[in-house]
Amino acid sequence: MLMLSNGMSMRGHFFVAGNSRTHAGPEGVKDVLNAENGFFPFDVEEGGGSRTVLLNREHVVFLELADIGEARRDPGYDVATERIVTVLFSNGVRLQGAVRVFRPQGRDRLSDFARAQETFRYLEADNATYVFNVRHVIELAEETPAS
């Protein structure tokens, strides 16, 4: 499911390559969204069929991935610092989950994550993995672990 800035949501499929241009392994949805600016093709499911449309990246708020393991294939995933966060988006939706901060120890705070250059990032919830657009984030808050 893909959520747009105008409140519309749609189901469909991304076109991804078998090999990524930027890292070992297959291309992920996050790779497609971060690859360039402007529009990307999306195969929208409609009434028993589908059609391909071009969507503007700037208007994607977040999407839920069918492949919940995609984030784990990011290089360095196992050594990145995990932060449990709540994210409030411009459309009023609030999601909670984990983000990974790919920075050296001491520079792996949530504020370091927030300043990173990538526009689209992963958020791993209990039962879903999301890719979200930081340009639609109003508030990013770290949750305090329960003791």
N, C-alpha and C. Protein backbone atom coordinates (compact mmCIF):
# COMPACT_ATOMS: atom_id res chain seq x y z
N MET A 1 0.84 -1.17 0.00
CA MET A 1 0.00 0.00 0.00
C MET A 1 0.88 1.24 0.00
N LEU A 2 0.55 2.18 -0.86
CA LEU A 2 1.31 3.41 -1.00
C LEU A 2 0.38 4.57 -0.64
N MET A 3 0.85 5.47 0.23
CA MET A 3 0.05 6.61 0.70
C MET A 3 0.61 7.88 0.09
N LEU A 4 -0.26 8.65 -0.56
CA LEU A 4 0.15 9.90 -1.21
C LEU A 4 -0.22 11.11 -0.36
N SER A 5 0.39 12.24 -0.67
CA SER A 5 0.18 13.46 0.12
C SER A 5 -1.24 14.01 0.03
N ASN A 6 -2.00 13.64 -0.99
CA ASN A 6 -3.38 14.11 -1.12
C ASN A 6 -4.37 13.21 -0.39
N GLY A 7 -3.86 12.21 0.34
CA GLY A 7 -4.71 11.30 1.10
C GLY A 7 -5.07 10.03 0.35
N MET A 8 -4.79 9.97 -0.94
CA MET A 8 -5.07 8.76 -1.71
C MET A 8 -4.11 7.64 -1.31
N SER A 9 -4.63 6.42 -1.33
CA SER A 9 -3.76 5.26 -1.16
C SER A 9 -4.00 4.33 -2.33
N MET A 10 -3.00 3.57 -2.69
CA MET A 10 -3.13 2.64 -3.80
C MET A 10 -2.27 1.42 -3.55
N ARG A 11 -2.70 0.33 -4.12
CA ARG A 11 -1.94 -0.92 -4.07
C ARG A 11 -1.37 -1.18 -5.45
N GLY A 12 -0.21 -1.79 -5.47
CA GLY A 12 0.40 -2.09 -6.75
C GLY A 12 1.81 -2.62 -6.58
N HIS A 13 2.57 -2.48 -7.64
CA HIS A 13 3.91 -3.07 -7.69
C HIS A 13 4.92 -2.08 -8.25
N PHE A 14 6.11 -2.12 -7.68
CA PHE A 14 7.24 -1.35 -8.20
C PHE A 14 7.99 -2.19 -9.22
N PHE A 15 8.70 -1.54 -10.10
CA PHE A 15 9.57 -2.20 -11.05
C PHE A 15 10.99 -2.13 -10.48
N VAL A 16 11.53 -3.26 -10.07
CA VAL A 16 12.88 -3.31 -9.50
C VAL A 16 13.76 -4.25 -10.33
N ALA A 17 15.04 -3.96 -10.35
CA ALA A 17 16.00 -4.76 -11.11
C ALA A 17 16.51 -5.92 -10.27
N GLY A 18 16.96 -6.95 -10.93
CA GLY A 18 17.53 -8.12 -10.26
C GLY A 18 18.84 -7.81 -9.57
N ASN A 19 19.54 -6.77 -10.05
CA ASN A 19 20.81 -6.36 -9.46
C ASN A 19 20.80 -4.85 -9.26
N SER A 20 21.26 -4.44 -8.09
CA SER A 20 21.31 -3.02 -7.77
C SER A 20 22.54 -2.38 -8.40
N ARG A 21 22.42 -1.11 -8.77
CA ARG A 21 23.56 -0.35 -9.28
C ARG A 21 24.43 0.19 -8.16
N THR A 22 23.91 0.20 -6.92
CA THR A 22 24.63 0.84 -5.81
C THR A 22 25.15 -0.10 -4.74
N HIS A 23 24.71 -1.36 -4.75
CA HIS A 23 25.18 -2.32 -3.75
C HIS A 23 24.99 -3.73 -4.28
N ALA A 24 25.60 -4.69 -3.60
CA ALA A 24 25.46 -6.09 -4.00
C ALA A 24 24.02 -6.55 -3.75
N GLY A 25 23.52 -7.40 -4.61
CA GLY A 25 22.19 -7.96 -4.44
C GLY A 25 21.14 -7.25 -5.27
N PRO A 26 19.89 -7.65 -5.09
CA PRO A 26 18.81 -7.08 -5.89
C PRO A 26 18.49 -5.64 -5.49
N GLU A 27 17.92 -4.92 -6.42
CA GLU A 27 17.47 -3.55 -6.16
C GLU A 27 16.23 -3.62 -5.27
N GLY A 28 16.13 -2.71 -4.32
CA GLY A 28 14.96 -2.64 -3.45
C GLY A 28 14.10 -1.45 -3.82
N VAL A 29 12.92 -1.40 -3.25
CA VAL A 29 12.01 -0.28 -3.49
C VAL A 29 12.64 1.02 -3.02
N LYS A 30 13.31 1.00 -1.87
CA LYS A 30 13.97 2.20 -1.37
C LYS A 30 15.03 2.68 -2.37
N ASP A 31 15.74 1.75 -3.00
CA ASP A 31 16.74 2.11 -4.01
C ASP A 31 16.09 2.85 -5.18
N VAL A 32 14.95 2.34 -5.64
CA VAL A 32 14.23 2.96 -6.75
C VAL A 32 13.83 4.39 -6.38
N LEU A 33 13.29 4.56 -5.19
CA LEU A 33 12.80 5.88 -4.78
C LEU A 33 13.93 6.88 -4.55
N ASN A 34 15.09 6.41 -4.08
CA ASN A 34 16.22 7.30 -3.83
C ASN A 34 17.10 7.50 -5.07
N ALA A 35 16.86 6.76 -6.15
CA ALA A 35 17.75 6.77 -7.31
C ALA A 35 17.81 8.12 -8.02
N GLU A 36 16.71 8.80 -8.11
CA GLU A 36 16.67 10.07 -8.83
C GLU A 36 15.45 10.87 -8.38
N ASN A 37 15.30 12.06 -8.93
CA ASN A 37 14.15 12.91 -8.62
C ASN A 37 13.05 12.70 -9.64
N GLY A 38 11.90 13.27 -9.37
CA GLY A 38 10.82 13.25 -10.35
C GLY A 38 9.94 12.03 -10.23
N PHE A 39 9.59 11.49 -11.36
CA PHE A 39 8.59 10.44 -11.45
C PHE A 39 9.19 9.05 -11.52
N PHE A 40 8.40 8.07 -11.08
CA PHE A 40 8.78 6.66 -11.19
C PHE A 40 7.55 5.88 -11.64
N PRO A 41 7.76 4.77 -12.36
CA PRO A 41 6.61 3.96 -12.78
C PRO A 41 6.09 3.10 -11.65
N PHE A 42 4.79 2.96 -11.58
CA PHE A 42 4.14 2.15 -10.55
C PHE A 42 2.98 1.42 -11.21
N ASP A 43 2.90 0.12 -10.99
CA ASP A 43 1.85 -0.71 -11.57
C ASP A 43 0.70 -0.78 -10.57
N VAL A 44 -0.36 -0.02 -10.82
CA VAL A 44 -1.50 0.09 -9.90
C VAL A 44 -2.48 -1.05 -10.14
N GLU A 45 -2.87 -1.72 -9.05
CA GLU A 45 -3.90 -2.77 -9.13
C GLU A 45 -5.27 -2.11 -9.16
N GLU A 46 -6.07 -2.49 -10.16
CA GLU A 46 -7.41 -1.91 -10.31
C GLU A 46 -8.39 -2.97 -10.78
N GLY A 47 -9.45 -3.18 -10.04
CA GLY A 47 -10.55 -4.03 -10.45
C GLY A 47 -10.19 -5.27 -11.24
N GLY A 48 -9.33 -6.09 -10.72
CA GLY A 48 -8.97 -7.34 -11.39
C GLY A 48 -7.86 -7.21 -12.41
N GLY A 49 -7.41 -6.00 -12.69
CA GLY A 49 -6.32 -5.78 -13.64
C GLY A 49 -5.32 -4.80 -13.07
N SER A 50 -4.51 -4.26 -13.93
CA SER A 50 -3.54 -3.25 -13.49
C SER A 50 -3.24 -2.31 -14.64
N ARG A 51 -2.68 -1.16 -14.27
CA ARG A 51 -2.21 -0.20 -15.27
C ARG A 51 -1.00 0.51 -14.69
N THR A 52 -0.09 0.89 -15.54
CA THR A 52 1.13 1.56 -15.10
C THR A 52 0.93 3.07 -15.17
N VAL A 53 1.26 3.72 -14.05
CA VAL A 53 1.18 5.18 -13.97
C VAL A 53 2.55 5.70 -13.56
N LEU A 54 2.77 6.97 -13.78
CA LEU A 54 3.98 7.63 -13.29
C LEU A 54 3.59 8.46 -12.08
N LEU A 55 4.26 8.21 -10.95
CA LEU A 55 3.98 8.94 -9.71
C LEU A 55 5.15 9.84 -9.36
N ASN A 56 4.84 10.99 -8.81
CA ASN A 56 5.86 11.94 -8.39
C ASN A 56 6.36 11.56 -7.00
N ARG A 57 7.66 11.31 -6.88
CA ARG A 57 8.26 10.90 -5.60
C ARG A 57 7.95 11.87 -4.47
N GLU A 58 7.91 13.16 -4.79
CA GLU A 58 7.70 14.18 -3.76
C GLU A 58 6.37 14.00 -3.04
N HIS A 59 5.41 13.35 -3.67
CA HIS A 59 4.08 13.21 -3.09
C HIS A 59 3.85 11.86 -2.42
N VAL A 60 4.87 11.01 -2.40
CA VAL A 60 4.78 9.75 -1.66
C VAL A 60 5.08 10.05 -0.20
N VAL A 61 4.14 9.77 0.69
CA VAL A 61 4.35 9.98 2.12
C VAL A 61 5.03 8.75 2.71
N PHE A 62 4.44 7.58 2.51
CA PHE A 62 5.05 6.33 2.92
C PHE A 62 4.40 5.20 2.17
N LEU A 63 5.01 4.03 2.24
CA LEU A 63 4.44 2.84 1.65
C LEU A 63 4.80 1.64 2.52
N GLU A 64 3.91 0.66 2.49
CA GLU A 64 4.15 -0.58 3.21
C GLU A 64 4.66 -1.60 2.20
N LEU A 65 5.79 -2.20 2.51
CA LEU A 65 6.41 -3.18 1.61
C LEU A 65 5.77 -4.55 1.75
N ALA A 66 5.61 -5.23 0.64
CA ALA A 66 5.17 -6.62 0.67
C ALA A 66 6.30 -7.50 1.21
N ASP A 67 7.54 -7.15 0.89
CA ASP A 67 8.73 -7.88 1.33
C ASP A 67 9.23 -7.26 2.64
N ILE A 68 8.79 -7.82 3.78
CA ILE A 68 9.17 -7.21 5.07
C ILE A 68 10.66 -7.38 5.38
N GLY A 69 11.36 -8.21 4.63
CA GLY A 69 12.79 -8.41 4.86
C GLY A 69 13.70 -7.51 4.05
N GLU A 70 13.13 -6.62 3.24
CA GLU A 70 13.97 -5.77 2.38
C GLU A 70 14.98 -4.96 3.17
N ALA A 71 14.58 -4.36 4.26
CA ALA A 71 15.49 -3.50 5.04
C ALA A 71 16.70 -4.28 5.55
N ARG A 72 16.52 -5.54 5.87
CA ARG A 72 17.61 -6.36 6.41
C ARG A 72 18.72 -6.62 5.39
N ARG A 73 18.43 -6.39 4.12
CA ARG A 73 19.43 -6.60 3.07
C ARG A 73 20.32 -5.38 2.87
N ASP A 74 20.03 -4.28 3.55
CA ASP A 74 20.89 -3.09 3.45
C ASP A 74 22.29 -3.43 3.96
N PRO A 75 23.34 -3.04 3.22
CA PRO A 75 24.69 -3.28 3.71
C PRO A 75 24.89 -2.60 5.08
N GLY A 76 25.42 -3.32 6.04
CA GLY A 76 25.67 -2.77 7.36
C GLY A 76 24.50 -2.86 8.31
N TYR A 77 23.40 -3.46 7.89
CA TYR A 77 22.19 -3.52 8.71
C TYR A 77 22.47 -4.12 10.09
N ASP A 78 23.22 -5.21 10.15
CA ASP A 78 23.46 -5.91 11.41
C ASP A 78 24.29 -5.12 12.41
N VAL A 79 25.07 -4.16 11.94
CA VAL A 79 25.91 -3.38 12.85
C VAL A 79 25.39 -1.97 13.09
N ALA A 80 24.36 -1.56 12.35
CA ALA A 80 23.79 -0.23 12.53
C ALA A 80 23.04 -0.15 13.86
N THR A 81 23.03 1.02 14.45
CA THR A 81 22.32 1.24 15.71
C THR A 81 20.83 1.30 15.47
N GLU A 82 20.08 0.54 16.26
CA GLU A 82 18.62 0.55 16.15
C GLU A 82 18.05 1.58 17.12
N ARG A 83 17.13 2.38 16.62
CA ARG A 83 16.41 3.36 17.45
C ARG A 83 14.91 3.10 17.29
N ILE A 84 14.20 3.01 18.40
CA ILE A 84 12.75 2.83 18.38
C ILE A 84 12.13 4.23 18.36
N VAL A 85 11.28 4.47 17.36
CA VAL A 85 10.76 5.82 17.14
C VAL A 85 9.26 5.81 16.86
N THR A 86 8.69 7.00 17.01
CA THR A 86 7.35 7.29 16.53
C THR A 86 7.50 8.40 15.50
N VAL A 87 6.83 8.24 14.36
CA VAL A 87 6.93 9.20 13.27
C VAL A 87 5.53 9.77 13.00
N LEU A 88 5.42 11.09 13.02
CA LEU A 88 4.18 11.77 12.67
C LEU A 88 4.37 12.38 11.29
N PHE A 89 3.46 12.03 10.37
CA PHE A 89 3.56 12.49 8.99
C PHE A 89 2.64 13.68 8.73
N SER A 90 2.87 14.35 7.62
CA SER A 90 2.11 15.53 7.23
C SER A 90 0.62 15.24 7.01
N ASN A 91 0.27 13.99 6.77
CA ASN A 91 -1.14 13.62 6.57
C ASN A 91 -1.82 13.22 7.89
N GLY A 92 -1.12 13.36 9.01
CA GLY A 92 -1.68 13.06 10.32
C GLY A 92 -1.49 11.63 10.79
N VAL A 93 -0.98 10.75 9.94
CA VAL A 93 -0.74 9.36 10.31
C VAL A 93 0.50 9.30 11.20
N ARG A 94 0.42 8.46 12.22
CA ARG A 94 1.54 8.24 13.14
C ARG A 94 1.90 6.76 13.09
N LEU A 95 3.18 6.45 12.86
CA LEU A 95 3.66 5.07 12.84
C LEU A 95 4.76 4.91 13.87
N GLN A 96 4.86 3.71 14.42
CA GLN A 96 5.91 3.41 15.38
C GLN A 96 6.69 2.20 14.88
N GLY A 97 8.00 2.23 15.13
CA GLY A 97 8.84 1.12 14.72
C GLY A 97 10.30 1.44 14.97
N ALA A 98 11.17 0.70 14.29
CA ALA A 98 12.61 0.86 14.45
C ALA A 98 13.23 1.42 13.18
N VAL A 99 14.18 2.32 13.37
CA VAL A 99 15.01 2.80 12.27
C VAL A 99 16.44 2.39 12.57
N ARG A 100 17.25 2.30 11.55
CA ARG A 100 18.66 1.96 11.70
C ARG A 100 19.49 3.18 11.37
N VAL A 101 20.45 3.50 12.26
CA VAL A 101 21.33 4.64 12.05
C VAL A 101 22.68 4.10 11.60
N PHE A 102 23.02 4.35 10.36
CA PHE A 102 24.25 3.85 9.75
C PHE A 102 25.36 4.88 9.92
N ARG A 103 25.79 5.07 11.16
CA ARG A 103 26.84 6.04 11.49
C ARG A 103 27.75 5.41 12.54
N PRO A 104 28.99 5.91 12.66
CA PRO A 104 29.90 5.38 13.69
C PRO A 104 29.37 5.65 15.10
N GLN A 105 29.79 4.81 16.05
CA GLN A 105 29.37 4.97 17.44
C GLN A 105 29.71 6.39 17.90
N GLY A 106 28.78 7.00 18.61
CA GLY A 106 28.94 8.38 19.05
C GLY A 106 28.30 9.37 18.08
N ARG A 107 28.10 8.93 16.86
CA ARG A 107 27.41 9.75 15.85
C ARG A 107 26.21 8.98 15.30
N ASP A 108 25.63 8.18 16.18
CA ASP A 108 24.53 7.30 15.79
C ASP A 108 23.24 7.65 16.54
N ARG A 109 23.08 8.96 16.80
CA ARG A 109 21.87 9.43 17.47
C ARG A 109 20.73 9.56 16.47
N LEU A 110 19.54 9.74 16.99
CA LEU A 110 18.39 9.95 16.12
C LEU A 110 18.57 11.23 15.31
N SER A 111 19.18 12.23 15.90
CA SER A 111 19.41 13.48 15.16
C SER A 111 20.35 13.26 13.99
N ASP A 112 21.29 12.33 14.11
CA ASP A 112 22.18 11.99 12.99
C ASP A 112 21.38 11.30 11.88
N PHE A 113 20.47 10.43 12.27
CA PHE A 113 19.57 9.78 11.31
C PHE A 113 18.75 10.83 10.57
N ALA A 114 18.22 11.80 11.31
CA ALA A 114 17.36 12.82 10.72
C ALA A 114 18.11 13.69 9.71
N ARG A 115 19.40 13.87 9.90
CA ARG A 115 20.18 14.73 9.02
C ARG A 115 20.80 13.99 7.83
N ALA A 116 20.64 12.69 7.76
CA ALA A 116 21.23 11.93 6.65
C ALA A 116 20.64 12.40 5.32
N GLN A 117 21.34 12.14 4.23
CA GLN A 117 20.96 12.68 2.94
C GLN A 117 19.83 11.94 2.23
N GLU A 118 19.64 10.66 2.51
CA GLU A 118 18.60 9.90 1.83
C GLU A 118 17.21 10.47 2.12
N THR A 119 16.41 10.59 1.09
CA THR A 119 15.04 11.08 1.26
C THR A 119 14.13 9.98 1.76
N PHE A 120 14.28 8.77 1.23
CA PHE A 120 13.42 7.65 1.61
C PHE A 120 14.19 6.72 2.54
N ARG A 121 13.54 6.33 3.66
CA ARG A 121 14.18 5.51 4.68
C ARG A 121 13.23 4.40 5.12
N TYR A 122 13.81 3.40 5.76
CA TYR A 122 13.01 2.28 6.28
C TYR A 122 12.52 2.57 7.70
N LEU A 123 11.35 2.05 8.00
CA LEU A 123 10.80 1.99 9.35
C LEU A 123 10.26 0.57 9.51
N GLU A 124 10.83 -0.16 10.46
CA GLU A 124 10.42 -1.55 10.68
C GLU A 124 9.50 -1.63 11.89
N ALA A 125 8.24 -1.95 11.65
CA ALA A 125 7.25 -2.13 12.72
C ALA A 125 7.17 -3.62 13.04
N ASP A 126 6.36 -3.97 14.02
CA ASP A 126 6.24 -5.37 14.43
C ASP A 126 5.81 -6.28 13.28
N ASN A 127 4.83 -5.87 12.51
CA ASN A 127 4.28 -6.74 11.47
C ASN A 127 4.38 -6.16 10.07
N ALA A 128 5.16 -5.09 9.88
CA ALA A 128 5.27 -4.46 8.57
C ALA A 128 6.59 -3.71 8.46
N THR A 129 7.04 -3.54 7.24
CA THR A 129 8.18 -2.68 6.95
C THR A 129 7.69 -1.59 6.02
N TYR A 130 8.04 -0.34 6.37
CA TYR A 130 7.62 0.82 5.60
C TYR A 130 8.84 1.49 4.99
N VAL A 131 8.62 2.18 3.89
CA VAL A 131 9.59 3.13 3.35
C VAL A 131 8.89 4.47 3.44
N PHE A 132 9.54 5.44 4.09
CA PHE A 132 8.89 6.74 4.26
C PHE A 132 9.74 7.87 3.71
N ASN A 133 9.05 8.94 3.35
CA ASN A 133 9.65 10.13 2.77
C ASN A 133 9.89 11.13 3.90
N VAL A 134 11.16 11.44 4.20
CA VAL A 134 11.47 12.34 5.31
C VAL A 134 10.93 13.75 5.09
N ARG A 135 10.64 14.10 3.85
CA ARG A 135 10.10 15.43 3.57
C ARG A 135 8.65 15.57 4.03
N HIS A 136 8.03 14.46 4.40
CA HIS A 136 6.67 14.49 4.93
C HIS A 136 6.62 14.19 6.42
N VAL A 137 7.78 14.17 7.06
CA VAL A 137 7.83 13.92 8.50
C VAL A 137 7.71 15.25 9.23
N ILE A 138 6.74 15.32 10.14
CA ILE A 138 6.57 16.51 10.97
C ILE A 138 7.32 16.33 12.28
N GLU A 139 7.25 15.12 12.83
CA GLU A 139 7.87 14.86 14.13
C GLU A 139 8.47 13.46 14.12
N LEU A 140 9.69 13.37 14.61
CA LEU A 140 10.39 12.11 14.76
C LEU A 140 10.84 12.05 16.22
N ALA A 141 10.28 11.10 16.99
CA ALA A 141 10.56 11.05 18.42
C ALA A 141 11.06 9.67 18.80
N GLU A 142 12.14 9.65 19.56
CA GLU A 142 12.68 8.39 20.04
C GLU A 142 11.89 7.92 21.26
N GLU A 143 11.53 6.66 21.26
CA GLU A 143 10.79 6.08 22.37
C GLU A 143 11.77 5.60 23.42
N THR A 144 11.42 5.78 24.67
CA THR A 144 12.24 5.31 25.78
C THR A 144 11.91 3.85 26.04
N PRO A 145 12.90 2.96 26.02
CA PRO A 145 12.61 1.55 26.26
C PRO A 145 12.03 1.34 27.66
N ALA A 146 11.03 0.47 27.75
CA ALA A 146 10.43 0.15 29.05
C ALA A 146 11.42 -0.70 29.85
N SER A 147 11.51 -0.43 31.15
CA SER A 147 12.44 -1.22 31.96
C SER A 147 11.76 -2.28 32.76
